[in-house]
Protein backbone atom coordinates (compact mmCIF):
# COMPACT_ATOMS: atom_id res chain seq x y z
CA MET A 1 0.00 0.10 0.08
CA THR A 2 1.55 3.25 -1.17
CA LYS A 3 1.20 6.88 0.91
CA ASP A 4 -1.61 7.55 -1.71
CA THR A 5 -3.61 4.79 -0.87
CA ALA A 6 -5.77 4.65 2.59
CA LEU A 7 -7.40 1.23 2.30
CA GLU A 8 -6.43 -1.59 -0.12
CA ALA A 9 -8.15 -5.32 -0.50
CA ASP A 10 -6.73 -7.94 -2.64
CA LEU A 11 -8.87 -10.76 -3.08
CA LEU A 12 -10.09 -10.23 0.41
CA GLY A 13 -12.57 -12.98 1.67
CA LYS A 14 -14.38 -13.67 5.13
CA GLN A 15 -15.94 -16.93 6.04
CA TYR A 16 -18.08 -17.21 9.27
CA ARG A 17 -18.35 -20.87 10.47
CA GLY A 18 -21.28 -22.74 11.89
CA ARG A 19 -24.63 -23.94 10.56
CA GLY A 20 -26.08 -21.78 8.08
CA ARG A 21 -23.12 -19.24 8.01
CA GLY A 22 -20.68 -18.90 4.88
CA TRP A 23 -18.86 -16.50 3.19
CA ALA A 24 -19.65 -12.69 3.89
CA LEU A 25 -17.01 -11.43 1.77
CA ARG A 26 -15.21 -13.21 -1.13
CA GLU A 27 -12.65 -12.13 -3.59
CA CYS A 28 -12.84 -8.36 -3.13
CA ASP A 29 -10.58 -6.07 -4.68
CA PHE A 30 -10.18 -2.31 -4.21
CA ALA A 31 -7.82 0.46 -3.40
CA LEU A 32 -9.34 3.65 -1.90
CA PRO A 33 -7.48 6.67 -2.37
CA THR A 34 -6.32 8.71 0.45
CA GLY A 35 -8.38 11.89 1.32
CA ARG A 36 -11.71 10.42 -0.32
CA ILE A 37 -15.08 10.46 1.34
CA CYS A 38 -16.31 6.89 0.36
CA ALA A 39 -20.00 5.67 0.29
CA LEU A 40 -20.08 1.95 1.22
CA VAL A 41 -23.57 0.73 -0.06
CA GLY A 42 -25.11 -2.65 -0.07
CA PRO A 43 -28.32 -4.50 0.93
CA ASN A 44 -28.69 -6.27 4.39
CA GLY A 45 -26.03 -9.13 4.37
CA ALA A 46 -24.00 -7.71 1.77
CA GLY A 47 -21.00 -7.56 3.83
CA LYS A 48 -20.58 -4.06 4.74
CA SER A 49 -20.16 -4.43 8.48
CA THR A 50 -17.59 -7.15 8.09
CA LEU A 51 -15.52 -5.12 5.67
CA LEU A 52 -15.53 -2.16 8.26
CA ALA A 53 -14.47 -4.51 11.01
CA LEU A 54 -11.65 -6.16 8.46
CA ALA A 55 -10.53 -2.67 8.17
CA ALA A 56 -10.50 -1.78 11.77
CA GLY A 57 -8.27 -4.72 12.75
CA LEU A 58 -11.25 -6.38 14.63
CA LEU A 59 -11.74 -9.62 12.39
CA GLN A 60 -8.99 -11.55 10.28
CA PRO A 61 -9.45 -12.40 6.79
CA THR A 62 -10.08 -15.79 5.76
CA GLU A 63 -8.62 -15.37 2.78
CA GLY A 64 -6.63 -12.61 0.85
CA THR A 65 -5.44 -9.42 2.60
CA ILE A 66 -6.41 -6.05 3.49
CA LYS A 67 -4.11 -3.07 4.02
CA ALA A 68 -5.03 -0.10 6.32
CA PRO A 69 -3.06 2.23 8.46
CA PRO A 70 -2.03 1.15 12.05
CA ARG A 71 -5.01 0.67 14.64
CA GLU A 72 -3.80 3.87 16.28
CA ARG A 73 -4.42 5.97 13.28
CA ILE A 74 -8.17 4.41 12.79
CA ALA A 75 -11.25 5.61 14.56
CA TYR A 76 -14.04 2.99 14.12
CA VAL A 77 -17.90 3.90 14.95
CA ALA A 78 -19.62 0.59 14.90
CA GLN A 79 -23.51 0.39 14.40
CA ASP A 80 -24.28 -0.63 18.16
CA LYS A 81 -22.07 2.49 19.26
CA PRO A 82 -20.55 0.39 22.20
CA LEU A 83 -19.82 2.90 25.27
CA HIS A 84 -19.28 2.40 29.03
CA PRO A 85 -22.83 2.61 30.37
CA ARG A 86 -21.82 3.78 33.80
CA LEU A 87 -19.63 6.62 32.66
CA THR A 88 -20.69 10.27 32.32
CA VAL A 89 -20.18 12.05 28.79
CA ALA A 90 -17.48 14.07 30.23
CA ASP A 91 -15.82 10.83 31.43
CA THR A 92 -16.01 9.23 28.14
CA LEU A 93 -14.47 12.01 26.47
CA ARG A 94 -11.74 12.14 29.15
CA LEU A 95 -11.35 8.42 28.41
CA GLY A 96 -10.55 9.33 24.92
CA ARG A 97 -8.13 11.97 25.55
CA GLU A 98 -6.18 9.57 27.98
CA LEU A 99 -6.16 6.83 25.38
CA ASN A 100 -5.05 9.04 22.49
CA PRO A 101 -2.50 11.43 24.47
CA GLY A 102 -0.55 12.14 21.44
CA SER A 103 -3.39 13.10 18.91
CA TRP A 104 -6.33 14.08 20.74
CA ASP A 105 -8.34 17.07 19.57
CA GLY A 106 -10.68 18.11 22.54
CA ALA A 107 -12.24 21.11 20.27
CA ALA A 108 -13.38 18.64 17.69
CA ALA A 109 -14.81 16.43 20.07
CA GLU A 110 -16.72 19.27 22.02
CA ARG A 111 -18.11 20.62 18.45
CA VAL A 112 -20.15 17.20 18.56
CA ILE A 113 -21.77 17.60 21.74
CA ALA A 114 -21.75 21.37 22.22
CA ASP A 115 -25.11 22.46 23.56
CA GLU A 116 -26.71 19.34 22.84
CA LEU A 117 -25.72 17.08 25.73
CA ASP A 118 -25.07 17.63 29.59
CA PRO A 119 -21.41 16.68 30.23
CA ARG A 120 -22.67 15.02 33.73
CA SER A 121 -25.22 12.62 32.04
CA LEU A 122 -24.56 8.90 32.20
CA ILE A 123 -24.05 7.22 29.03
CA ARG A 124 -26.97 4.53 30.16
CA ASN A 125 -29.46 7.18 30.28
CA LEU A 126 -28.79 8.62 26.65
CA SER A 127 -31.19 8.13 23.84
CA GLY A 128 -29.83 5.95 20.87
CA GLY A 129 -29.05 9.55 18.81
CA GLN A 130 -27.30 11.17 21.70
CA ARG A 131 -25.08 7.88 22.21
CA THR A 132 -24.43 8.26 18.45
CA ARG A 133 -23.21 11.90 19.29
CA VAL A 134 -20.67 10.87 21.83
CA ALA A 135 -19.59 7.86 19.58
CA LEU A 136 -18.84 10.40 16.68
CA ALA A 137 -17.05 13.12 19.05
CA LEU A 138 -14.83 10.05 20.33
CA ALA A 139 -13.91 9.12 16.36
CA LEU A 140 -13.34 12.96 15.55
CA GLY A 141 -11.45 13.78 18.88
CA LYS A 142 -9.19 10.80 17.89
CA ARG A 143 -7.73 12.86 14.85
CA ALA A 144 -7.45 9.65 12.91
CA GLU A 145 -6.30 9.47 9.30
CA LEU A 146 -8.93 6.87 8.39
CA LEU A 147 -12.47 7.15 10.02
CA LEU A 148 -14.84 4.00 9.51
CA LEU A 149 -18.50 4.67 10.21
CA ASP A 150 -20.99 1.76 10.38
CA GLU A 151 -24.67 3.48 9.62
CA PRO A 152 -23.53 6.29 11.82
CA MET A 153 -26.41 8.44 11.55
CA ALA A 154 -29.32 5.80 11.67
CA ASP A 155 -30.31 7.13 15.33
CA LEU A 156 -30.53 10.49 14.47
CA ASP A 157 -33.48 12.66 13.39
CA PRO A 158 -33.22 14.48 10.01
CA LEU A 159 -32.06 17.89 11.45
CA ALA A 160 -29.49 16.23 13.59
CA ARG A 161 -28.41 13.88 10.80
CA HIS A 162 -27.86 16.96 8.71
CA GLN A 163 -26.00 19.14 11.28
CA LEU A 164 -23.77 16.35 12.11
CA MET A 165 -22.93 15.26 8.16
CA GLY A 166 -22.11 18.81 7.71
CA LEU A 167 -19.63 18.72 10.48
CA LEU A 168 -18.04 15.38 9.62
CA MET A 169 -17.71 16.57 5.91
CA ALA A 170 -16.21 19.91 6.86
CA ASP A 171 -13.73 18.33 9.44
CA ALA A 172 -12.78 15.71 7.02
CA ALA A 173 -12.01 18.40 4.49
CA GLU A 174 -10.07 20.50 6.75
CA HIS A 175 -7.88 17.58 7.99
CA GLY A 176 -7.63 15.37 4.70
CA THR A 177 -9.19 12.40 6.56
CA THR A 178 -10.25 9.61 4.64
CA VAL A 179 -13.83 8.47 5.54
CA VAL A 180 -15.53 5.10 4.76
CA MET A 181 -19.26 5.25 5.74
CA SER A 182 -21.97 2.69 5.16
CA SER A 183 -25.62 3.79 4.94
CA HIS A 184 -29.13 2.69 3.60
CA ILE A 185 -30.06 6.37 3.18
CA LEU A 186 -28.94 6.92 -0.48
CA THR A 187 -29.87 10.69 -0.47
CA GLU A 188 -27.72 11.11 2.62
CA LEU A 189 -24.46 9.85 0.43
CA GLU A 190 -25.28 12.05 -2.57
CA GLY A 191 -23.39 15.31 -2.50
CA ALA A 192 -21.37 14.18 0.54
CA CYS A 193 -19.44 11.44 -0.71
CA ASP A 194 -16.88 11.47 -4.06
CA HIS A 195 -16.11 7.77 -4.19
CA LEU A 196 -18.27 4.68 -4.09
CA LEU A 197 -17.98 0.99 -3.17
CA LEU A 198 -21.24 -1.18 -3.95
CA LEU A 199 -21.05 -4.56 -2.09
CA HIS A 200 -23.82 -7.08 -3.24
CA GLY A 201 -23.62 -10.55 -2.39
CA GLY A 202 -20.28 -10.25 -0.70
CA ARG A 203 -18.49 -9.05 -3.88
CA ILE A 204 -17.34 -5.64 -5.09
CA ARG A 205 -20.01 -4.62 -7.95
CA LEU A 206 -19.10 -0.93 -8.43
CA ASP A 207 -15.97 1.06 -7.34
CA GLY A 208 -14.71 4.04 -8.29
CA PRO A 209 -14.85 8.07 -8.02
CA VAL A 210 -18.64 9.03 -7.97
CA ASP A 211 -18.32 11.43 -10.80
CA GLU A 212 -16.56 8.92 -12.91
CA LEU A 213 -19.05 6.29 -12.38
CA LEU A 214 -22.27 8.62 -13.14
CA ALA A 215 -20.34 10.03 -16.39
CA ALA A 216 -20.22 6.40 -17.52
CA HIS A 217 -23.65 5.35 -17.30
CA THR A 218 -26.66 7.03 -19.06
CA LEU A 219 -30.28 6.66 -18.71
CA LEU A 220 -32.08 6.21 -22.04
CA THR A 221 -35.63 6.45 -22.85
CA GLY A 222 -37.31 5.72 -26.25
CA PRO A 223 -38.71 3.26 -28.34
CA VAL A 224 -37.96 -0.49 -27.69
CA ALA A 225 -34.87 -1.49 -29.65
CA ASP A 226 -31.57 -3.31 -29.35
CA LEU A 227 -29.00 -1.55 -27.20
CA ALA A 228 -25.90 -3.04 -28.16
CA PRO A 229 -23.13 -2.52 -27.81
CA HIS A 230 -23.74 -1.13 -24.35
CA GLN A 231 -24.02 -2.90 -21.49
CA VAL A 232 -27.71 -2.96 -19.99
CA ILE A 233 -27.70 -2.21 -16.25
CA GLU A 234 -31.56 -2.48 -15.83
CA ALA A 235 -34.30 -2.17 -18.29
CA ARG A 236 -38.00 -1.44 -17.94
CA THR A 237 -40.65 -1.65 -20.60
CA THR A 238 -44.21 0.09 -20.61
CA GLY A 239 -45.98 -0.82 -23.81
CA ARG A 240 -43.78 0.31 -26.78
CA GLN A 241 -41.46 2.67 -24.49
CA LEU A 242 -38.16 1.52 -23.07
CA THR A 243 -36.42 2.87 -20.00
CA ALA A 244 -32.76 1.74 -19.64
CA LEU A 245 -29.66 2.39 -17.71
CA VAL A 246 -26.77 1.54 -19.61
CA ARG A 247 -22.99 1.42 -19.14
CA ARG A 248 -21.62 3.10 -22.36
CA GLU A 249 -19.50 1.61 -25.04
CA GLY A 250 -19.09 4.36 -27.31
CA PRO A 251 -21.54 7.03 -28.39
CA ILE A 252 -25.24 6.72 -28.06
CA GLU A 253 -26.80 6.35 -31.44
CA GLY A 254 -30.77 5.96 -32.13
CA PRO A 255 -33.58 8.03 -31.20
CA TRP A 256 -33.04 8.05 -27.39
CA GLU A 257 -33.68 10.65 -24.81
CA THR A 258 -30.71 10.70 -22.54
CA GLN A 259 -29.71 11.91 -19.19
CA GLU A 260 -27.14 11.54 -16.55
CA PRO A 261 -28.16 9.18 -13.89
CA SER A 262 -28.16 10.43 -10.21
CA LEU A 263 -26.47 8.49 -7.69
CA GLU A 264 -29.62 7.05 -6.17
CA ASP A 265 -30.55 5.94 -9.87
CA LEU A 266 -27.08 4.25 -10.30
CA LEU A 267 -27.36 2.34 -7.04
CA LEU A 268 -30.89 1.14 -7.17
CA ALA A 269 -30.29 0.03 -10.72
CA HIS A 270 -27.37 -2.08 -9.96
CA LEU A 271 -28.83 -3.48 -6.69
CA ARG A 272 -32.06 -4.68 -8.42
CA THR A 273 -29.76 -6.70 -10.98
CA PRO A 274 -30.42 -10.15 -10.12
CA GLU A 275 -26.62 -11.34 -10.01
CA GLY A 276 -25.25 -7.87 -9.70
CA ALA A 277 -23.76 -5.98 -12.71
CA PRO A 278 -19.93 -6.68 -13.21
CA ALA A 279 -17.87 -4.10 -11.43
C-alpha cells in the first residue's frame, strides 16, 4: 500500500463458521485513495459491517489481505455504538483523551456534543441519537487518518443528521481525513461522498470516483430497440416505451432521450440487477 492509498484489499474473503453461515465477503479487490469520502453501500447481509470490522483490525481475513493504517491511526464507530454505560459524557471524552494522548483534538470532540448533551449525563441514560453523538465525538477527537463509520446516522432525526453530516464533511475536508461510511439512506450520500464501493452478495460490484461512475452511465428513454453494444444494467418496458440504464460502450446512437443518472438511480439499478452487474 502506497502513501496515496488509505485502504486496500486484495482477493479479500471472510467466512463465518457454523450452521447457516458462510462467506460474508469473497474475492474483494479495491484500492481507496487517501482523502476520499467513500460511501459503502449494499443490501442487508452484503458484507458492509464485515468489511469495516476487517479494516479496523477487529476481524482477520479467511483469505486474501486488507491493508490499512496502524490501529492507532484508525477511528471506528460500530452500528451499536458500544460505550461504557456507567461513565458520564465528560468521563467518556476524558477517557478518549487519555487513550490518545498524542493526537487528541478536544475541540473537535466538543463541537459534536456542544449545547446538545449535559456532560454530567450517564451514558446509560442517553437516547440512541445522543449515544451516536458521543461515539462520533470520540471518533473525531482521535484525529485519525482513516475514519470507519458503520451506519453512523441511523439513530438521528433528520435535523441532527444534516447537522452532523455537515460537521463531519467539513472536518474531513479540513484535515484530509479518509472516511468510509456505510448507509442505507442514499440521499444522505449524494453530495457528501466522492467515492463509491457497492457490495452485492459479498463481492464488489462498483468501485470508483462517484463522478466517473455517473459519467460512464446513461439513462435512456425511447422506443423498444436493441441496445448493443452498451452494457444494460437495468431495462424496463412500458408498452412500446423502454427506459434503461446502460454503461456506455461508445457513442449513443438512435432515437433516445438521454440524461445522466443520479447516484440513487445508479445504485438502485445495480442493486436490482439479480446477479449484480460486473464491477
